[in-house]
Every structure is written in C-alpha cells, then in structure tokens.
Amino acid sequence: MQQRSSVSLFSRHLAGLCMCLLMLADTQAAPRSQQDLRSFMHGVVALPTAQNGNYDVFFSSAGLPPRGEDAQGRWQHDVYLLHWHSDEAVQGQPQILIARPEAQEPVSAARNRSGHVMLTFEDGWNSKDEVSQRYAVYDAAMRPIKPYPQTAVSGGHSGHVAAVGERFVLFYSDGWVDGDGVNGQGSGNGVYVQVYDGQGEILQSIDVVDEQRAWWPMLAGGERTALLVWQQITDRQNTGQLNMAVLDPQRGSLSDIRLLSADLQLYHYNLAWLPAVSRFVVLATIKGQGVAWLLDSAGQLKARLDCLPATVREAGLMVSGTTVFTPTADGRLMQLAAGPDSLQLQGLLRESKGRPVPWRPVGSVGLPRRDGRLDWLSLTERGVQWWQFDPRQTSPARTAASCASAGDASLQK
C-alpha cells in the first residue's frame, strides 16, 4: 500500500484552512484563525459505563486550553478522559490518558460486551512512516490490557473502531494521493479492516478498497454485524461517493460494496446502531441537504428521508431509544424517530438559551441526562464547550412529501 509523502501530509493538515477562515472570521483573532481547527482539538466519543446513565468521554486535544500547532507547524494532541454523570453532569477535570510528542488524533473508542475498551487514533510519535494507526485496550476499570503504543499498521490513518459482541472492528485508511478532495487536499488511498478479540489480539485483516481513492472510514457495531461507510473521490473535486459494506466479524465475511449516494459533501456523514429497533441509521449531507437512511443488519434499506437540514462535519449521533439527535449546520439539533421500517423527522431543537450553536467541524457528542435534557459536548479551538437542549421544546418540522420515502428500492451495487 502506498505511503504518504511529507508534502501530502502537509497539504492534508492545511486542508481545512479556507473552511476555518470562513467559520472564524467573526469570532477569532488572526493567529488562531490561520490554523486548521483540527490542530486544536479533533475527535470525541462517549461510551456508557457499567453504572447506569454514566459515560466515559474520550477526546483528543493539544493541551487544555488547546494551543494548536507548535512553532514548526506540528500537531501536539494528547488523549483525554472525562467522566460524565447523568445526574451531576461532569465530575472533575479531564485527565490525560495518553501523552506523547506529536499528535494522537482523532481518538475513537468502543466498549465490547465484557466492558473492555479499545482506543484507536492516528499517531505521529515514533513512527517509521509519517503516522501510524495505533491502539490500546483496557478492562472495564480502564486498566491496560494491551497498553499504548500498539501499532495496527504503520502508515495507517483516520481510523475508527466499533464493537460487535466481544470483538473489536478497526476500520482505517492507508496511503495518500494528492489532488481533489476538500480544497485540493487529496485523499486516502484505500480503506481496510482489522478484527480483534477482546484482549486486543488481531484475528483477521481484510482489504475493503485496496489502493483506490477512498478514506475517512466510519462504522457502527450492531448485534452481529458492523456497518462500514466511507467516502470515495469521483471526477468532482469537492464531492464524492458515500459507499457502504457490511462486515460479519465472527465469520470474517464482507458484503458487496454498495453506493449510498453520489454528490456527498465530504466528511459530512456519520452513523449509529439503534438497539431498540435493531437497525443502523446513517446521516449525511448530499447537495447541501441532509439525508438519512435506515438499514437492517444485512445492509438492506428499510427507510429513507431526504430534504433534511444539512448536517455538521464530524458531528456525533446520539441515540436514545428510537430517537436520534445530531447537530445541524444552522446551529440546532435535528431529532429523528425510527421504527423497524420507518424514519420520521420529529423536529428541530434550539439550545436552551435560544442561541444558534457555532458548531465546529472537529467533533461533538450528546449525553442524555436523567431528567430528559441533553448535554452536548462540542470541541472548539477554545476548548470544550457544553450546550444544553430540552427535547420537550422541539419545534415541529416536516419533510415535504415529495422528499420522503420509506422502504424504497434496494441500494445500488
């Protein structure tokens, strides 16, 4: 697999410059507005603990408050752990879990059926290539089983992890090709899977897309399968295809690759498993509008919604029973209701004080309070920001009949 050149990595780290300038023009002083927002903070995930209603929140940050890149333009993220409680919210300050020179970002994490946790991230420290996809595995009390640094693949990057039963599925990219992509930043050169047992021992490696312009692999773990989605460059510079496949990590089998949609706004997608209805949900922004798909464990389409509000780059999905929440580009939260064969736009939520939220394209995650409200943790160039929403204050919103469909034709192969 092709490895990236230093020029490629440099261009990748500058990829968000134009976007950052636009987002920060009214709020930031010049030194910070000149930097890619991801150099401050990048990647956040929340895992429920054994204590009902509580979460462990992991995020990558270049210090607290985040300082961005160093004088040589290098990123310096460490991995932090924050304990969140559904009654009292945050307890204590974030603690550094993994710290090394160069960046460990964006962190992704999953907890398996036994409570073991795998963390993974792109790591610039002590790598024979520019970066390596690294990981660590912990028990339920966050004691190391496979302590950092464990190298999944030298040269790997952009990895994310999910759990299916006892097993962990690590989905990552490798290689880099200059040109096209966001602001001409280029693209990864393939997406790949590794399956691990609950102790962090590798069981299998699978080439999903080998040495083609595919990257930013995202996934969700269900009861028996994992849904894989990624973006692939076509002949358009600023859009791509959103592709998917289903992995059975017990059998080590991968489905055919299918096209979810063309004209994807790059990086503007995410997915989750809904245990209450045994379905996967995928949300993305296509041609400036939000689209949602409901898929079963085999990847078969059960419902679809079009003409939704545009989503936010790298924003998380929060699942509460049959309800899904995610940030929207206009500074609100979108609320969807799912059934086994249906999706419905329930409405849009404003932040508790009525202000539009200046969502950043570097990661956010929702956390449900016992009283029904939602705390939303958002990574920013200033540090962690908290926003609060009350689903009881949802403003009704309807999708035009011509834009909604349910149980329609199978996905294209």
Protein backbone atom coordinates (compact mmCIF):
# COMPACT_ATOMS: atom_id res chain seq x y z
CA MET A 1 0.00 0.00 0.00
CA GLN A 2 1.29 3.43 -0.95
CA GLN A 3 2.62 5.59 1.86
CA ARG A 4 2.07 9.33 2.03
CA SER A 5 4.77 11.85 1.26
CA SER A 6 5.57 14.71 3.64
CA VAL A 7 4.06 17.11 1.12
CA SER A 8 0.83 15.10 1.21
CA LEU A 9 0.58 15.23 4.99
CA PHE A 10 1.33 18.94 4.99
CA SER A 11 -1.41 19.57 2.47
CA ARG A 12 -3.80 17.42 4.50
CA HIS A 13 -3.16 19.38 7.67
CA LEU A 14 -3.83 22.60 5.80
CA ALA A 15 -6.95 21.19 4.15
CA GLY A 16 -9.42 22.97 6.40
CA LEU A 17 -7.80 26.41 6.10
CA CYS A 18 -10.43 28.02 3.87
CA MET A 19 -13.27 26.48 5.87
CA CYS A 20 -11.71 27.62 9.15
CA LEU A 21 -11.26 31.18 7.91
CA LEU A 22 -14.92 31.36 6.98
CA MET A 23 -16.10 29.89 10.28
CA LEU A 24 -13.88 32.08 12.44
CA ALA A 25 -13.99 35.36 10.57
CA ASP A 26 -16.33 36.97 13.11
CA THR A 27 -15.07 35.33 16.28
CA GLN A 28 -11.33 34.69 16.18
CA ALA A 29 -8.14 36.69 16.35
CA ALA A 30 -5.78 36.30 13.43
CA PRO A 31 -3.25 33.81 14.89
CA ARG A 32 -5.90 31.19 15.62
CA SER A 33 -7.95 31.80 12.52
CA GLN A 34 -4.91 30.95 10.41
CA GLN A 35 -4.76 27.41 11.75
CA ASP A 36 -6.75 24.31 10.83
CA LEU A 37 -9.28 23.89 13.64
CA ARG A 38 -8.36 20.22 13.91
CA SER A 39 -4.92 21.25 15.18
CA PHE A 40 -6.57 22.42 18.42
CA MET A 41 -8.98 19.57 19.16
CA HIS A 42 -10.07 16.67 16.97
CA GLY A 43 -12.15 13.60 17.77
CA VAL A 44 -14.52 12.82 20.65
CA VAL A 45 -16.55 9.77 21.65
CA ALA A 46 -18.70 8.87 24.68
CA LEU A 47 -19.04 5.30 25.99
CA PRO A 48 -21.65 4.28 28.57
CA THR A 49 -20.16 2.79 31.74
CA ALA A 50 -21.42 -0.09 33.86
CA GLN A 51 -23.12 2.48 36.09
CA ASN A 52 -26.47 3.27 34.52
CA GLY A 53 -26.56 6.67 32.88
CA ASN A 54 -22.88 7.50 33.25
CA TYR A 55 -20.36 7.90 30.43
CA ASP A 56 -16.62 7.96 29.84
CA VAL A 57 -15.82 10.68 27.30
CA PHE A 58 -12.57 10.48 25.33
CA PHE A 59 -11.24 13.33 23.21
CA SER A 60 -8.00 14.49 21.55
CA SER A 61 -6.68 17.97 22.35
CA ALA A 62 -3.43 19.91 22.00
CA GLY A 63 -3.47 20.86 25.67
CA LEU A 64 -6.24 22.44 27.75
CA PRO A 65 -6.95 25.09 26.72
CA PRO A 66 -5.83 23.85 23.29
CA ARG A 67 -2.82 25.66 21.86
CA GLY A 68 -2.95 24.42 18.26
CA GLU A 69 0.13 23.54 16.25
CA ASP A 70 3.63 24.25 17.54
CA ALA A 71 6.17 26.69 16.04
CA GLN A 72 7.18 24.08 13.46
CA GLY A 73 3.59 23.51 12.39
CA ARG A 74 3.34 20.10 14.12
CA TRP A 75 0.18 18.94 15.85
CA GLN A 76 0.50 18.02 19.53
CA HIS A 77 -2.71 16.29 20.65
CA ASP A 78 -2.93 14.03 23.68
CA VAL A 79 -5.86 11.77 24.57
CA TYR A 80 -8.03 12.90 27.50
CA LEU A 81 -10.62 11.09 29.61
CA LEU A 82 -13.58 12.88 31.17
CA HIS A 83 -16.17 11.26 33.47
CA TRP A 84 -19.75 12.40 32.94
CA HIS A 85 -22.71 11.57 35.19
CA SER A 86 -26.34 11.77 34.16
CA ASP A 87 -27.33 13.46 37.44
CA GLU A 88 -24.45 15.82 38.17
CA ALA A 89 -23.00 16.06 34.62
CA VAL A 90 -19.20 16.43 34.58
CA GLN A 91 -17.33 15.41 37.69
CA GLY A 92 -13.77 16.68 37.92
CA GLN A 93 -11.37 17.88 35.25
CA PRO A 94 -10.38 15.92 32.14
CA GLN A 95 -7.35 13.74 32.78
CA ILE A 96 -4.63 12.91 30.27
CA LEU A 97 -4.84 9.23 29.40
CA ILE A 98 -2.17 9.05 26.65
CA ALA A 99 0.53 11.67 26.09
CA ARG A 100 3.44 11.58 23.64
CA PRO A 101 5.14 14.10 21.34
CA GLU A 102 3.36 14.57 18.02
CA ALA A 103 -0.39 14.07 17.74
CA GLN A 104 -2.63 11.22 18.86
CA GLU A 105 -5.83 12.14 16.98
CA PRO A 106 -8.70 11.81 16.24
CA VAL A 107 -9.43 9.39 19.05
CA SER A 108 -12.12 6.74 18.54
CA ALA A 109 -13.28 4.27 21.17
CA ALA A 110 -15.57 1.27 21.62
CA ARG A 111 -16.64 -0.91 24.56
CA ASN A 112 -17.33 -4.61 23.97
CA ARG A 113 -19.82 -6.90 25.68
CA SER A 114 -17.37 -7.64 28.52
CA GLY A 115 -16.75 -3.96 29.18
CA HIS A 116 -13.30 -3.88 27.62
CA VAL A 117 -12.42 -0.66 25.80
CA MET A 118 -10.34 -0.20 22.65
CA LEU A 119 -8.98 3.24 21.80
CA THR A 120 -7.50 3.99 18.39
CA PHE A 121 -6.04 7.07 16.72
CA GLU A 122 -3.61 8.29 14.10
CA ASP A 123 -0.24 8.75 15.84
CA GLY A 124 2.76 10.80 14.73
CA TRP A 125 5.02 9.71 17.59
CA ASN A 126 7.96 7.39 16.91
CA SER A 127 6.54 6.12 13.62
CA LYS A 128 8.77 4.95 10.79
CA ASP A 129 6.18 6.48 8.47
CA GLU A 130 4.68 9.91 8.97
CA VAL A 131 1.91 8.44 11.09
CA SER A 132 0.74 5.04 12.27
CA GLN A 133 -2.71 3.81 13.25
CA ARG A 134 -2.21 2.90 16.91
CA TYR A 135 -4.44 1.41 19.58
CA ALA A 136 -4.67 0.36 23.22
CA VAL A 137 -7.08 -1.95 25.06
CA TYR A 138 -8.31 -1.54 28.66
CA ASP A 139 -10.51 -3.50 31.02
CA ALA A 140 -13.78 -2.15 32.40
CA ALA A 141 -11.92 -0.19 35.08
CA MET A 142 -9.63 1.38 32.43
CA ARG A 143 -6.63 -0.70 33.47
CA PRO A 144 -4.40 -1.51 30.47
CA ILE A 145 -4.70 -4.94 28.89
CA LYS A 146 -2.80 -4.01 25.73
CA PRO A 147 -1.11 -0.77 26.77
CA TYR A 148 -0.30 2.03 24.35
CA PRO A 149 1.53 2.02 21.97
CA GLN A 150 0.19 -0.89 19.94
CA THR A 151 0.61 -0.43 16.19
CA ALA A 152 -2.23 -1.63 13.99
CA VAL A 153 -0.47 -0.57 10.79
CA SER A 154 2.46 1.71 10.08
CA GLY A 155 1.31 4.45 7.75
CA GLY A 156 -2.35 3.93 8.65
CA HIS A 157 -4.54 6.91 9.47
CA SER A 158 -8.10 8.18 10.05
CA GLY A 159 -9.12 5.00 11.88
CA HIS A 160 -12.31 4.38 13.86
CA VAL A 161 -13.37 1.41 15.99
CA ALA A 162 -16.63 -0.32 16.94
CA ALA A 163 -17.53 -3.40 18.97
CA VAL A 164 -19.64 -6.35 17.86
CA GLY A 165 -20.20 -8.71 20.78
CA GLU A 166 -16.77 -9.49 22.23
CA ARG A 167 -14.86 -8.42 19.14
CA PHE A 168 -13.48 -5.08 18.05
CA VAL A 169 -13.52 -3.90 14.44
CA LEU A 170 -10.88 -1.34 13.46
CA PHE A 171 -11.60 0.45 10.16
CA TYR A 172 -8.78 2.64 8.84
CA SER A 173 -7.29 4.23 5.73
CA ASP A 174 -3.80 3.93 4.29
CA GLY A 175 -1.76 5.75 1.68
CA TRP A 176 -2.40 9.25 0.33
CA VAL A 177 -2.99 10.71 -3.14
CA ASP A 178 -2.60 14.45 -3.74
CA GLY A 179 -5.23 16.49 -5.57
CA ASP A 180 -9.03 16.81 -5.46
CA GLY A 181 -10.79 16.39 -2.14
CA VAL A 182 -11.52 19.32 0.19
CA ASN A 183 -9.61 22.37 -1.06
CA GLY A 184 -7.42 20.08 -3.16
CA GLN A 185 -6.04 18.33 -0.09
CA GLY A 186 -6.05 14.89 -1.71
CA SER A 187 -7.45 11.64 -0.41
CA GLY A 188 -6.56 8.41 1.28
CA ASN A 189 -5.64 5.51 -1.00
CA GLY A 190 -7.83 2.73 0.36
CA VAL A 191 -9.81 1.55 3.40
CA TYR A 192 -9.08 -1.60 5.39
CA VAL A 193 -10.44 -3.60 8.32
CA GLN A 194 -8.79 -5.43 11.19
CA VAL A 195 -10.78 -7.64 13.58
CA TYR A 196 -9.52 -8.07 17.18
CA ASP A 197 -10.60 -10.18 20.11
CA GLY A 198 -11.50 -8.62 23.45
CA GLN A 199 -7.88 -8.78 24.61
CA GLY A 200 -6.61 -6.77 21.65
CA GLU A 201 -5.16 -9.69 19.68
CA ILE A 202 -5.63 -9.40 15.94
CA LEU A 203 -7.74 -12.12 14.33
CA GLN A 204 -8.12 -11.02 10.73
CA SER A 205 -7.26 -8.32 8.18
CA ILE A 206 -9.50 -7.50 5.20
CA ASP A 207 -8.89 -5.18 2.25
CA VAL A 208 -12.18 -3.37 1.72
CA VAL A 209 -10.98 -0.96 -1.01
CA ASP A 210 -7.34 -1.51 -1.92
CA GLU A 211 -5.29 1.34 -3.38
CA GLN A 212 -8.20 3.41 -4.63
CA ARG A 213 -9.12 6.92 -3.58
CA ALA A 214 -11.19 6.00 -0.53
CA TRP A 215 -10.83 7.35 3.01
CA TRP A 216 -12.45 8.70 6.20
CA PRO A 217 -13.78 5.26 7.21
CA MET A 218 -16.63 5.32 9.73
CA LEU A 219 -18.51 2.38 11.25
CA ALA A 220 -21.07 1.25 13.80
CA GLY A 221 -21.33 -2.10 15.54
CA GLY A 222 -24.64 -3.98 15.74
CA GLU A 223 -25.71 -7.27 17.28
CA ARG A 224 -23.85 -9.49 14.80
CA THR A 225 -22.50 -7.21 12.09
CA ALA A 226 -20.75 -3.88 11.62
CA LEU A 227 -21.82 -1.34 9.01
CA LEU A 228 -18.87 0.31 7.24
CA VAL A 229 -19.19 3.62 5.35
CA TRP A 230 -16.56 5.75 3.62
CA GLN A 231 -16.11 8.49 1.05
CA GLN A 232 -14.60 7.94 -2.37
CA ILE A 233 -13.37 10.56 -4.82
CA THR A 234 -15.06 10.60 -8.20
CA ASP A 235 -14.44 13.08 -11.01
CA ARG A 236 -15.57 16.05 -8.91
CA GLN A 237 -13.09 17.91 -6.77
CA ASN A 238 -15.29 18.84 -3.82
CA THR A 239 -17.76 15.97 -3.65
CA GLY A 240 -17.53 12.20 -3.62
CA GLN A 241 -19.46 8.99 -3.30
CA LEU A 242 -20.71 7.62 0.01
CA ASN A 243 -20.15 3.87 -0.11
CA MET A 244 -21.02 1.11 2.36
CA ALA A 245 -20.45 -2.55 3.13
CA VAL A 246 -21.47 -4.92 5.94
CA LEU A 247 -18.91 -6.96 7.88
CA ASP A 248 -19.60 -10.12 9.89
CA PRO A 249 -16.59 -10.13 12.26
CA GLN A 250 -17.32 -13.62 13.57
CA ARG A 251 -17.18 -15.19 10.12
CA GLY A 252 -14.77 -12.65 8.69
CA SER A 253 -17.08 -12.10 5.71
CA LEU A 254 -17.66 -8.83 3.88
CA SER A 255 -20.69 -7.99 1.72
CA ASP A 256 -20.56 -6.44 -1.70
CA ILE A 257 -19.78 -2.73 -1.74
CA ARG A 258 -22.85 -0.59 -2.39
CA LEU A 259 -23.36 3.05 -3.27
CA LEU A 260 -25.42 5.01 -0.76
CA SER A 261 -25.22 8.30 -2.64
CA ALA A 262 -23.20 10.41 -5.05
CA ASP A 263 -22.54 14.14 -4.54
CA LEU A 264 -21.53 13.71 -0.91
CA GLN A 265 -20.31 16.78 0.93
CA LEU A 266 -17.02 15.27 2.04
CA TYR A 267 -16.71 14.31 5.74
CA HIS A 268 -20.36 15.27 6.40
CA TYR A 269 -21.67 11.86 7.48
CA ASN A 270 -21.95 9.61 10.50
CA LEU A 271 -23.83 6.50 11.59
CA ALA A 272 -25.09 4.64 14.65
CA TRP A 273 -26.72 1.40 15.75
CA LEU A 274 -30.23 1.59 17.23
CA PRO A 275 -30.64 -1.42 19.56
CA ALA A 276 -34.31 -0.66 20.23
CA VAL A 277 -35.26 -1.43 16.61
CA SER A 278 -32.18 -3.47 15.54
CA ARG A 279 -31.33 -1.03 12.78
CA PHE A 280 -28.42 1.11 11.59
CA VAL A 281 -29.01 4.78 10.78
CA VAL A 282 -26.74 6.83 8.50
CA LEU A 283 -26.97 10.61 8.12
CA ALA A 284 -25.12 12.67 5.51
CA THR A 285 -25.24 15.93 3.59
CA ILE A 286 -25.89 15.50 -0.13
CA LYS A 287 -26.02 18.55 -2.42
CA GLY A 288 -26.39 20.79 0.62
CA GLN A 289 -29.30 18.88 2.19
CA GLY A 290 -29.45 16.23 4.88
CA VAL A 291 -30.32 12.64 4.00
CA ALA A 292 -30.98 9.74 6.40
CA TRP A 293 -31.02 6.00 5.68
CA LEU A 294 -32.34 3.20 7.89
CA LEU A 295 -30.66 -0.17 7.23
CA ASP A 296 -31.05 -3.62 8.73
CA SER A 297 -28.18 -5.83 9.95
CA ALA A 298 -27.60 -7.10 6.41
CA GLY A 299 -27.44 -3.57 4.99
CA GLN A 300 -30.85 -3.69 3.31
CA LEU A 301 -32.61 -0.35 3.01
CA LYS A 302 -35.72 -0.05 5.19
CA ALA A 303 -36.43 3.68 5.06
CA ARG A 304 -35.01 6.95 3.79
CA LEU A 305 -35.59 10.65 4.43
CA ASP A 306 -34.50 13.42 2.07
CA CYS A 307 -34.59 17.23 2.23
CA LEU A 308 -33.45 17.32 5.87
CA PRO A 309 -31.37 20.18 7.30
CA ALA A 310 -27.69 19.96 6.38
CA THR A 311 -25.56 18.12 8.94
CA VAL A 312 -22.28 19.20 10.53
CA ARG A 313 -18.87 17.79 9.60
CA GLU A 314 -17.75 15.10 12.09
CA ALA A 315 -20.76 15.67 14.36
CA GLY A 316 -21.86 12.75 16.52
CA LEU A 317 -25.21 11.00 16.57
CA MET A 318 -26.88 10.48 19.93
CA VAL A 319 -29.30 7.56 20.21
CA SER A 320 -31.98 7.47 22.90
CA GLY A 321 -34.30 4.51 22.42
CA THR A 322 -35.86 5.01 18.99
CA THR A 323 -34.82 8.67 18.75
CA VAL A 324 -31.69 10.02 17.05
CA PHE A 325 -30.23 13.51 17.55
CA THR A 326 -27.49 15.26 15.57
CA PRO A 327 -26.32 18.88 15.06
CA THR A 328 -27.44 20.84 12.03
CA ALA A 329 -25.49 23.45 10.06
CA ASP A 330 -27.87 26.22 11.18
CA GLY A 331 -26.91 25.80 14.85
CA ARG A 332 -29.67 23.49 16.09
CA LEU A 333 -30.22 19.78 16.79
CA MET A 334 -32.22 17.57 14.46
CA GLN A 335 -34.48 14.95 16.07
CA LEU A 336 -35.46 11.82 14.13
CA ALA A 337 -37.74 8.95 15.19
CA ALA A 338 -37.04 5.44 13.90
CA GLY A 339 -39.16 2.32 13.66
CA PRO A 340 -38.17 -1.04 12.17
CA ASP A 341 -39.24 0.20 8.73
CA SER A 342 -39.71 3.94 9.15
CA LEU A 343 -37.93 7.24 9.70
CA GLN A 344 -39.62 10.47 10.70
CA LEU A 345 -38.31 13.99 11.20
CA GLN A 346 -39.75 14.92 14.60
CA GLY A 347 -38.39 18.43 14.72
CA LEU A 348 -35.53 20.78 15.49
CA LEU A 349 -34.23 21.87 18.88
CA ARG A 350 -32.72 25.19 19.83
CA GLU A 351 -30.14 25.47 22.57
CA SER A 352 -31.70 26.15 25.97
CA LYS A 353 -30.95 29.89 25.81
CA GLY A 354 -32.26 30.15 22.26
CA ARG A 355 -28.93 30.90 20.63
CA PRO A 356 -27.67 29.19 17.47
CA VAL A 357 -24.70 26.98 18.33
CA PRO A 358 -21.47 27.71 16.41
CA TRP A 359 -20.74 24.03 15.74
CA ARG A 360 -17.12 23.31 14.80
CA PRO A 361 -16.10 20.63 12.27
CA VAL A 362 -13.87 18.71 14.72
CA GLY A 363 -16.28 16.58 16.75
CA SER A 364 -19.21 16.72 19.17
CA VAL A 365 -21.16 14.21 21.21
CA GLY A 366 -24.51 14.14 23.00
CA LEU A 367 -25.13 12.88 26.54
CA PRO A 368 -28.62 12.20 27.98
CA ARG A 369 -29.48 13.49 31.46
CA ARG A 370 -31.86 11.58 33.72
CA ASP A 371 -34.34 14.46 33.63
CA GLY A 372 -34.70 14.19 29.84
CA ARG A 373 -32.47 17.09 28.86
CA LEU A 374 -29.40 16.64 26.65
CA ASP A 375 -25.89 17.87 27.31
CA TRP A 376 -23.92 18.30 24.10
CA LEU A 377 -20.12 18.43 24.31
CA SER A 378 -18.56 20.32 21.41
CA LEU A 379 -14.85 20.56 20.63
CA THR A 380 -13.67 24.04 19.66
CA GLU A 381 -10.44 25.99 19.18
CA ARG A 382 -11.10 27.49 22.65
CA GLY A 383 -11.57 24.16 24.38
CA VAL A 384 -14.55 22.01 25.35
CA GLN A 385 -17.89 23.81 25.23
CA TRP A 386 -21.14 22.50 26.70
CA TRP A 387 -24.59 23.18 25.28
CA GLN A 388 -27.90 22.07 26.69
CA PHE A 389 -31.09 21.08 24.86
CA ASP A 390 -34.53 20.05 26.03
CA PRO A 391 -36.38 17.65 23.67
CA ARG A 392 -39.66 18.81 25.24
CA GLN A 393 -39.05 22.12 23.46
CA THR A 394 -38.67 20.61 19.99
CA SER A 395 -40.05 22.78 17.21
CA PRO A 396 -42.16 20.72 14.78
CA ALA A 397 -40.69 20.28 11.33
CA ARG A 398 -42.00 18.38 8.38
CA THR A 399 -40.25 16.97 5.35
CA ALA A 400 -42.06 17.69 2.10
CA ALA A 401 -43.98 14.63 0.88
CA SER A 402 -42.03 14.64 -2.37
CA CYS A 403 -38.81 14.31 -0.39
CA ALA A 404 -39.75 11.45 1.99
CA SER A 405 -39.66 7.76 1.18
CA ALA A 406 -39.78 4.54 3.15
CA GLY A 407 -38.75 1.03 2.22
CA ASP A 408 -37.87 2.06 -1.33
CA ALA A 409 -35.64 0.35 -3.87
CA SER A 410 -32.51 -1.55 -2.92
CA LEU A 411 -29.22 0.27 -2.79
CA GLN A 412 -27.13 0.38 -5.94
CA LYS A 413 -24.22 -2.02 -6.21
